[in-house]
């Protein structure tokens, strides 16, 4: 992902390290007297679907008079994607100035890059007098920086599954408890169906905090969605519930605005069509087993028969559950190029074959996605269906940012 010329202000995430906690954010926000407590926030938590839920919510709010400040992560090409008001990304010059101005604060409290960006977002939203906020949790929930925001009356949950086990715990129950910890007394909580263990933890946590839990069903096909993938109907249902929960807070959003917003919603890098040198591609940021399972189900649903061979270009960080991901994704006739995630330690085909020797005929190593694409171009015909690049949003962001791949 491109840094947007902010390298001198934002250290690389892997250099600063993962350092979850709320104390730094509380201290920094107190020093800046930020944010305005009169602005309510929808906090969006979960493992998968958070960005899509934020996209649906933001797109619907754009159809109203209310001005919404939205934070999401990660970004694909520019840091500016993480901070926007309605559809407008924060200008790079403004973000640079905000980060520069808060340098003493960053140094005093040893803020992480994620915390730096969130403080900058709060400052940006304060300066532009937004009406409400939409905050996507970065990692976990209990100790995520967004949880330091003081007024989060609406909590929206995407699907909770196994990911980031090195930080959140090695069981689905442990991860669910970390994410459910964002629930606070009196909150309105919206969730689509979850695994039974997860559902039980959400129910217990809401009961303990006297929070209102609303389960929602996937939206019917009478709703037109701007995001591809059948799983988006569950994400859209969560977004709908969160938007409806704003009405008692003084922000009524008409159903007509919600429908129009959902139809216009976009979220790059998620089951998106693209091209490389005129050749068709598909892009998806699936980077953990639950997302891989969803993607596989979507491909099976779209194919007449599962035996249709799919060509993959996969980049998977070394700490991810690559074997589980591939077990969901790979059909018996699929052809797979394993490439590195730019700037990150990554799985290799050799390591994967050592784990699963029966994949030896299907998996190939390539030094880069570009090398894999060039190899495909040497064949007599371009693969059909179109090759699918997945496994890491970092890879997709790098390809889009460098101009190697063009998204439609």
Protein backbone atom coordinates (compact mmCIF):
# COMPACT_ATOMS: atom_id res chain seq x y z
CA UNK A 1 0.00 0.00 0.00
CA UNK A 2 1.30 3.40 -0.90
CA UNK A 3 2.23 5.60 2.06
CA UNK A 4 1.04 8.83 0.49
CA UNK A 5 4.36 10.58 1.25
CA UNK A 6 3.81 10.38 5.02
CA UNK A 7 6.72 8.08 5.85
CA UNK A 8 8.41 10.70 8.01
CA UNK A 9 5.24 11.13 10.09
CA UNK A 10 3.88 7.60 10.22
CA UNK A 11 6.34 4.81 11.03
CA UNK A 12 5.72 1.47 9.38
CA UNK A 13 3.24 -0.59 11.33
CA UNK A 14 5.65 -3.51 11.61
CA UNK A 15 8.38 -1.21 12.97
CA UNK A 16 6.19 0.26 15.74
CA UNK A 17 4.75 -3.14 16.52
CA UNK A 18 1.31 -4.14 17.77
CA UNK A 19 0.58 -2.37 21.04
CA UNK A 20 -3.07 -2.62 21.97
CA UNK A 21 -4.41 -0.48 24.82
CA UNK A 22 -6.67 2.47 25.60
CA UNK A 23 -4.60 4.54 28.04
CA UNK A 24 -2.58 6.34 25.34
CA UNK A 25 -5.72 7.32 23.45
CA UNK A 26 -7.50 8.53 26.59
CA UNK A 27 -4.52 10.70 27.52
CA UNK A 28 -4.08 12.08 24.00
CA UNK A 29 -7.77 12.87 23.63
CA UNK A 30 -7.79 14.61 27.01
CA UNK A 31 -4.81 16.74 26.00
CA UNK A 32 -6.59 17.82 22.82
CA UNK A 33 -10.00 18.10 24.50
CA UNK A 34 -11.23 15.79 21.72
CA UNK A 35 -13.62 14.65 20.54
CA UNK A 36 -16.91 16.49 21.03
CA UNK A 37 -19.02 14.24 23.22
CA UNK A 38 -22.19 15.51 21.60
CA UNK A 39 -21.42 13.52 18.46
CA UNK A 40 -22.61 9.92 18.63
CA UNK A 41 -20.70 7.15 16.87
CA UNK A 42 -21.64 3.86 15.30
CA UNK A 43 -18.79 1.51 16.18
CA UNK A 44 -18.41 -1.37 13.72
CA UNK A 45 -16.69 -4.48 15.11
CA UNK A 46 -16.18 -8.10 14.03
CA UNK A 47 -13.72 -10.12 11.98
CA UNK A 48 -15.04 -9.89 8.42
CA UNK A 49 -17.45 -7.46 6.78
CA UNK A 50 -16.63 -4.40 8.91
CA UNK A 51 -15.57 -2.29 5.94
CA UNK A 52 -18.60 -3.31 3.91
CA UNK A 53 -20.94 -2.43 6.79
CA UNK A 54 -19.24 0.98 7.09
CA UNK A 55 -19.59 1.47 3.34
CA UNK A 56 -23.33 0.74 3.41
CA UNK A 57 -23.86 3.03 6.40
CA UNK A 58 -21.80 5.87 4.93
CA UNK A 59 -23.46 5.61 1.53
CA UNK A 60 -26.93 5.78 3.10
CA UNK A 61 -26.00 8.77 5.26
CA UNK A 62 -24.82 10.58 2.13
CA UNK A 63 -28.46 10.64 1.03
CA UNK A 64 -29.41 12.63 4.16
CA UNK A 65 -28.65 16.14 5.47
CA UNK A 66 -26.43 14.64 8.18
CA UNK A 67 -22.67 15.04 7.86
CA UNK A 68 -20.84 11.85 8.84
CA UNK A 69 -17.18 11.39 9.72
CA UNK A 70 -15.99 7.89 8.80
CA UNK A 71 -12.81 6.03 9.73
CA UNK A 72 -11.90 2.69 8.15
CA UNK A 73 -8.85 0.45 7.87
CA UNK A 74 -6.78 -0.72 6.21
CA UNK A 75 -6.37 1.45 3.15
CA UNK A 76 -5.55 0.22 -0.35
CA UNK A 77 -3.53 3.02 -1.93
CA UNK A 78 -3.50 6.15 0.26
CA UNK A 79 -3.65 6.81 3.99
CA UNK A 80 -6.31 9.37 3.17
CA UNK A 81 -8.79 6.56 2.48
CA UNK A 82 -8.97 5.95 6.22
CA UNK A 83 -10.48 9.36 7.03
CA UNK A 84 -13.37 10.88 5.17
CA UNK A 85 -16.42 13.05 5.62
CA UNK A 86 -19.28 11.57 3.65
CA UNK A 87 -17.60 10.60 0.35
CA UNK A 88 -14.74 13.11 0.61
CA UNK A 89 -11.33 11.75 1.61
CA UNK A 90 -9.24 13.99 3.82
CA UNK A 91 -6.85 15.96 1.56
CA UNK A 92 -3.28 14.71 1.79
CA UNK A 93 -1.95 18.16 2.71
CA UNK A 94 -4.45 18.44 5.54
CA UNK A 95 -3.62 14.99 6.87
CA UNK A 96 0.09 15.77 6.71
CA UNK A 97 -0.45 19.01 8.64
CA UNK A 98 -2.56 17.33 11.30
CA UNK A 99 0.02 14.59 11.83
CA UNK A 100 2.80 17.16 11.96
CA UNK A 101 0.93 19.34 14.46
CA UNK A 102 0.34 16.38 16.76
CA UNK A 103 3.98 15.22 16.69
CA UNK A 104 4.64 16.35 20.29
CA UNK A 105 1.53 14.49 21.41
CA UNK A 106 2.57 11.40 19.46
CA UNK A 107 5.99 11.41 21.05
CA UNK A 108 4.72 12.14 24.55
CA UNK A 109 2.23 9.29 24.57
CA UNK A 110 4.06 6.99 22.12
CA UNK A 111 1.04 6.71 19.88
CA UNK A 112 0.92 3.89 17.37
CA UNK A 113 0.31 4.74 13.69
CA UNK A 114 -3.31 3.61 14.03
CA UNK A 115 -3.74 5.89 17.05
CA UNK A 116 -2.06 8.77 15.24
CA UNK A 117 -4.50 8.44 12.36
CA UNK A 118 -7.48 8.18 14.68
CA UNK A 119 -6.49 11.31 16.60
CA UNK A 120 -6.04 13.08 13.25
CA UNK A 121 -9.49 11.86 12.19
CA UNK A 122 -11.10 13.17 15.37
CA UNK A 123 -9.40 16.54 14.85
CA UNK A 124 -10.56 16.63 11.22
CA UNK A 125 -14.14 15.80 12.20
CA UNK A 126 -14.10 18.44 14.94
CA UNK A 127 -12.83 21.12 12.57
CA UNK A 128 -15.50 20.32 10.01
CA UNK A 129 -18.29 20.00 12.55
CA UNK A 130 -19.66 16.60 11.58
CA UNK A 131 -22.96 15.40 13.04
CA UNK A 132 -22.02 11.80 13.82
CA UNK A 133 -19.23 9.27 13.38
CA UNK A 134 -18.78 5.80 11.94
CA UNK A 135 -15.76 4.05 13.47
CA UNK A 136 -14.41 0.76 12.16
CA UNK A 137 -12.56 -1.23 14.82
CA UNK A 138 -8.98 -1.92 13.77
CA UNK A 139 -8.25 -5.11 15.70
CA UNK A 140 -10.19 -6.88 18.43
CA UNK A 141 -12.32 -4.44 20.34
CA UNK A 142 -11.63 -4.37 24.09
CA UNK A 143 -8.29 -2.59 23.62
CA UNK A 144 -8.85 -1.11 20.16
CA UNK A 145 -8.26 2.63 19.90
CA UNK A 146 -11.78 3.29 18.58
CA UNK A 147 -13.18 2.03 21.88
CA UNK A 148 -11.66 5.09 23.58
CA UNK A 149 -14.29 7.22 21.86
CA UNK A 150 -16.67 8.25 24.66
CA UNK A 151 -20.11 8.02 23.01
CA UNK A 152 -20.79 4.84 21.04
CA UNK A 153 -24.52 4.26 21.44
CA UNK A 154 -24.75 1.90 18.45
CA UNK A 155 -22.52 -1.16 18.04
CA UNK A 156 -22.68 -3.08 14.74
CA UNK A 157 -21.08 -6.53 14.45
CA UNK A 158 -19.83 -8.18 11.30
CA UNK A 159 -19.14 -11.90 11.29
CA UNK A 160 -16.76 -12.98 14.07
CA UNK A 161 -14.29 -15.74 13.25
CA UNK A 162 -10.72 -16.93 13.75
CA UNK A 163 -8.14 -14.32 12.81
CA UNK A 164 -5.32 -12.44 14.55
CA UNK A 165 -5.04 -15.31 17.00
CA UNK A 166 -1.58 -14.14 18.02
CA UNK A 167 -3.18 -11.03 19.56
CA UNK A 168 -6.76 -12.03 20.44
CA UNK A 169 -6.60 -15.68 21.51
CA UNK A 170 -6.52 -19.10 19.91
CA UNK A 171 -10.19 -20.03 20.25
CA UNK A 172 -13.32 -18.57 18.73
CA UNK A 173 -14.63 -17.98 22.25
CA UNK A 174 -11.56 -15.96 23.27
CA UNK A 175 -11.74 -13.85 20.12
CA UNK A 176 -15.48 -13.28 20.54
CA UNK A 177 -14.97 -12.10 24.12
CA UNK A 178 -12.34 -9.59 23.00
CA UNK A 179 -14.67 -8.22 20.33
CA UNK A 180 -17.82 -8.30 22.49
CA UNK A 181 -16.00 -6.16 25.08
CA UNK A 182 -16.89 -3.05 23.05
CA UNK A 183 -20.47 -3.48 24.31
CA UNK A 184 -21.23 -1.03 27.13
CA UNK A 185 -24.26 -0.29 29.32
CA UNK A 186 -27.30 0.85 27.38
CA UNK A 187 -25.82 0.29 23.91
CA UNK A 188 -27.93 -0.86 20.98
CA UNK A 189 -26.19 -3.86 19.43
CA UNK A 190 -26.89 -5.12 15.90
CA UNK A 191 -25.64 -8.46 14.58
CA UNK A 192 -26.41 -10.90 11.82
CA UNK A 193 -26.21 -14.63 12.52
CA UNK A 194 -23.02 -15.73 14.27
CA UNK A 195 -21.50 -19.09 15.16
CA UNK A 196 -23.30 -20.55 18.21
CA UNK A 197 -20.35 -19.92 20.53
CA UNK A 198 -20.15 -16.31 19.38
CA UNK A 199 -23.89 -15.73 19.63
CA UNK A 200 -23.89 -16.99 23.21
CA UNK A 201 -21.11 -14.57 24.19
CA UNK A 202 -22.85 -11.61 22.55
CA UNK A 203 -26.10 -12.49 24.32
CA UNK A 204 -24.40 -12.87 27.70
CA UNK A 205 -22.44 -9.64 27.34
CA UNK A 206 -25.53 -7.66 26.34
CA UNK A 207 -27.47 -9.09 29.24
CA UNK A 208 -24.69 -8.19 31.69
CA UNK A 209 -24.58 -4.60 30.43
CA UNK A 210 -28.30 -4.12 29.92
CA UNK A 211 -27.63 -3.54 26.23
CA UNK A 212 -30.27 -4.15 23.58
CA UNK A 213 -29.31 -6.92 21.16
CA UNK A 214 -31.05 -7.08 17.77
CA UNK A 215 -30.45 -10.07 15.48
CA UNK A 216 -31.04 -9.34 11.79
CA UNK A 217 -31.66 -11.56 8.78
CA UNK A 218 -29.99 -11.12 5.36
CA UNK A 219 -31.79 -8.59 3.22
CA UNK A 220 -34.04 -10.11 0.54
CA UNK A 221 -33.25 -9.87 -3.16
CA UNK A 222 -35.77 -7.01 -3.45
CA UNK A 223 -32.92 -4.84 -2.11
CA UNK A 224 -30.35 -3.87 -4.75
CA UNK A 225 -26.82 -3.72 -3.35
CA UNK A 226 -23.80 -2.01 -4.83
CA UNK A 227 -21.42 -4.61 -3.37
CA UNK A 228 -21.04 -8.02 -5.00
CA UNK A 229 -21.29 -11.25 -3.04
CA UNK A 230 -24.24 -12.99 -1.42
CA UNK A 231 -22.72 -12.45 2.05
CA UNK A 232 -23.21 -8.71 1.57
CA UNK A 233 -26.91 -9.19 2.26
CA UNK A 234 -26.01 -9.97 5.87
CA UNK A 235 -23.64 -7.01 6.08
CA UNK A 236 -26.30 -4.74 4.59
CA UNK A 237 -28.85 -6.01 7.13
CA UNK A 238 -26.49 -5.05 9.96
CA UNK A 239 -26.01 -1.63 8.39
CA UNK A 240 -29.78 -1.22 8.09
CA UNK A 241 -30.24 -2.07 11.77
CA UNK A 242 -27.52 0.39 12.78
CA UNK A 243 -29.07 3.17 10.70
CA UNK A 244 -32.51 2.52 12.18
CA UNK A 245 -30.98 2.72 15.65
CA UNK A 246 -29.96 6.32 14.95
CA UNK A 247 -33.56 7.56 14.93
CA UNK A 248 -33.96 7.73 18.75
CA UNK A 249 -30.72 9.74 18.84
CA UNK A 250 -32.19 12.42 16.60
CA UNK A 251 -30.90 11.14 13.25
CA UNK A 252 -33.83 9.58 11.39
CA UNK A 253 -32.76 8.03 8.10
CA UNK A 254 -35.65 7.36 5.68
CA UNK A 255 -35.88 3.89 4.14
CA UNK A 256 -35.75 5.51 0.69
CA UNK A 257 -32.36 7.03 1.55
CA UNK A 258 -31.12 3.70 2.85
CA UNK A 259 -32.20 1.86 -0.29
CA UNK A 260 -30.58 4.43 -2.55
CA UNK A 261 -27.41 4.45 -0.47
CA UNK A 262 -27.11 0.67 -0.41
CA UNK A 263 -27.50 0.55 -4.18
CA UNK A 264 -24.71 3.09 -4.65
CA UNK A 265 -22.33 1.61 -2.06
CA UNK A 266 -18.83 0.69 -3.18
CA UNK A 267 -15.88 -0.89 -1.39
CA UNK A 268 -12.77 -1.44 -3.53
CA UNK A 269 -10.89 -4.72 -3.49
CA UNK A 270 -13.84 -6.85 -2.48
CA UNK A 271 -14.94 -9.24 -5.23
CA UNK A 272 -14.06 -6.50 -7.72
CA UNK A 273 -13.45 -6.79 -11.44
CA UNK A 274 -10.19 -5.47 -12.84
CA UNK A 275 -7.76 -5.75 -15.73
CA UNK A 276 -4.04 -6.29 -16.27
CA UNK A 277 -2.74 -5.26 -19.71
CA UNK A 278 -6.25 -5.64 -21.02
CA UNK A 279 -6.77 -9.09 -19.53
CA UNK A 280 -9.69 -9.58 -17.11
CA UNK A 281 -9.04 -10.25 -13.43
CA UNK A 282 -11.00 -10.44 -10.20
CA UNK A 283 -9.79 -9.02 -6.90
CA UNK A 284 -10.80 -9.98 -3.38
CA UNK A 285 -9.18 -9.17 -0.06
CA UNK A 286 -10.10 -12.46 1.67
CA UNK A 287 -7.26 -13.01 4.15
CA UNK A 288 -8.55 -15.48 6.74
CA UNK A 289 -10.42 -18.81 6.71
CA UNK A 290 -13.96 -17.41 7.24
CA UNK A 291 -13.50 -14.93 4.37
CA UNK A 292 -11.98 -17.67 2.20
CA UNK A 293 -14.99 -19.88 2.89
CA UNK A 294 -17.36 -17.08 1.88
CA UNK A 295 -15.42 -16.45 -1.31
CA UNK A 296 -15.39 -20.16 -2.20
CA UNK A 297 -19.13 -20.41 -1.64
CA UNK A 298 -19.72 -17.40 -3.86
CA UNK A 299 -17.61 -18.88 -6.67
CA UNK A 300 -19.39 -22.22 -6.40
CA UNK A 301 -22.73 -20.44 -6.50
CA UNK A 302 -21.72 -18.61 -9.68
CA UNK A 303 -20.36 -21.66 -11.48
CA UNK A 304 -22.48 -24.30 -13.16
CA UNK A 305 -20.39 -26.98 -11.52
CA UNK A 306 -17.60 -26.95 -8.95
CA UNK A 307 -15.22 -28.72 -11.34
CA UNK A 308 -14.70 -25.39 -13.17
CA UNK A 309 -10.98 -24.73 -12.87
CA UNK A 310 -10.01 -21.45 -11.23
CA UNK A 311 -6.62 -19.81 -11.56
CA UNK A 312 -5.47 -18.10 -8.36
CA UNK A 313 -2.76 -15.63 -7.47
CA UNK A 314 -2.54 -15.73 -3.68
CA UNK A 315 -0.42 -13.70 -1.27
CA UNK A 316 -0.75 -14.69 2.39
CA UNK A 317 1.16 -13.29 5.35
CA UNK A 318 3.20 -15.90 7.21
CA UNK A 319 1.21 -15.63 10.44
CA UNK A 320 -2.11 -16.30 8.70
CA UNK A 321 -3.87 -19.67 8.52
CA UNK A 322 -2.91 -20.30 4.91
CA UNK A 323 -3.55 -24.04 4.91
CA UNK A 324 -7.09 -23.57 6.20
CA UNK A 325 -7.67 -20.83 3.63
CA UNK A 326 -6.52 -22.97 0.73
CA UNK A 327 -8.59 -25.91 1.90
CA UNK A 328 -11.64 -23.68 1.45
CA UNK A 329 -10.53 -22.12 -1.83
CA UNK A 330 -8.93 -24.81 -3.95
CA UNK A 331 -10.83 -27.08 -6.26
CA UNK A 332 -9.18 -30.26 -7.58
CA UNK A 333 -8.37 -28.68 -10.96
CA UNK A 334 -7.37 -25.22 -9.77
CA UNK A 335 -4.02 -23.68 -10.66
CA UNK A 336 -2.36 -21.56 -7.96
CA UNK A 337 0.49 -19.07 -7.94
CA UNK A 338 1.80 -18.23 -4.46
CA UNK A 339 3.40 -14.78 -4.34
CA UNK A 340 4.75 -12.66 -1.48
CA UNK A 341 2.77 -9.93 0.25
CA UNK A 342 4.77 -6.76 -0.52
CA UNK A 343 6.79 -5.76 2.51
CA UNK A 344 5.68 -8.67 4.70
CA UNK A 345 6.86 -12.15 5.61
CA UNK A 346 4.74 -14.52 3.53
CA UNK A 347 3.85 -18.13 2.88
CA UNK A 348 5.58 -19.85 -0.03
CA UNK A 349 4.42 -22.69 -2.23
CA UNK A 350 7.27 -24.81 -0.85
CA UNK A 351 6.09 -24.32 2.72
CA UNK A 352 2.47 -25.04 1.80
CA UNK A 353 3.40 -28.23 -0.06
CA UNK A 354 5.39 -29.33 2.98
CA UNK A 355 2.14 -29.00 4.96
CA UNK A 356 -0.05 -30.59 2.26
CA UNK A 357 2.02 -32.68 -0.20
CA UNK A 358 -1.01 -33.44 -2.39
CA UNK A 359 -0.96 -29.78 -3.53
CA UNK A 360 2.45 -30.18 -5.17
CA UNK A 361 1.05 -30.29 -8.72
CA UNK A 362 -1.20 -27.25 -8.20
CA UNK A 363 0.99 -24.75 -6.37
CA UNK A 364 3.70 -22.64 -8.02
CA UNK A 365 6.01 -20.02 -6.52
CA UNK A 366 6.46 -16.62 -8.16
CA UNK A 367 8.60 -13.71 -7.03
CA UNK A 368 5.70 -11.29 -7.51
CA UNK A 369 2.15 -11.06 -8.76
CA UNK A 370 3.52 -9.40 -11.91
CA UNK A 371 5.70 -12.44 -12.57
CA UNK A 372 2.71 -14.76 -12.16
CA UNK A 373 0.59 -12.64 -14.50
CA UNK A 374 3.35 -12.61 -17.11
CA UNK A 375 3.52 -16.41 -16.91
CA UNK A 376 -0.23 -16.63 -17.49
CA UNK A 377 0.08 -14.29 -20.48
CA UNK A 378 2.53 -16.71 -22.11
CA UNK A 379 -0.15 -19.37 -22.35
CA UNK A 380 -2.06 -19.90 -25.58
CA UNK A 381 -5.23 -18.46 -24.04
CA UNK A 382 -5.93 -16.32 -21.00
CA UNK A 383 -7.55 -18.36 -18.20
CA UNK A 384 -11.31 -18.47 -18.04
CA UNK A 385 -12.89 -17.77 -15.60
CA UNK A 386 -10.66 -14.76 -14.98
CA UNK A 387 -7.74 -15.28 -12.58
CA UNK A 388 -8.59 -14.25 -9.04
CA UNK A 389 -6.06 -12.33 -6.92
CA UNK A 390 -6.72 -12.77 -3.20
CA UNK A 391 -5.19 -13.40 0.21
CA UNK A 392 -4.12 -9.89 1.14
CA UNK A 393 -5.44 -6.36 0.78
CA UNK A 394 -1.81 -5.25 0.93
CA UNK A 395 -1.15 -7.03 -2.37
CA UNK A 396 -4.27 -5.60 -4.01
CA UNK A 397 -3.41 -2.13 -2.78
CA UNK A 398 0.12 -2.46 -4.13
CA UNK A 399 -1.11 -3.57 -7.56
CA UNK A 400 -3.68 -0.77 -7.78
CA UNK A 401 -1.35 1.87 -6.39
CA UNK A 402 1.46 1.01 -8.81
CA UNK A 403 -0.92 1.01 -11.77
CA UNK A 404 -0.14 -2.60 -12.66
CA UNK A 405 -3.82 -3.49 -12.22
CA UNK A 406 -6.79 -1.28 -13.05
CA UNK A 407 -10.04 -1.73 -11.15
CA UNK A 408 -13.36 -1.39 -12.92
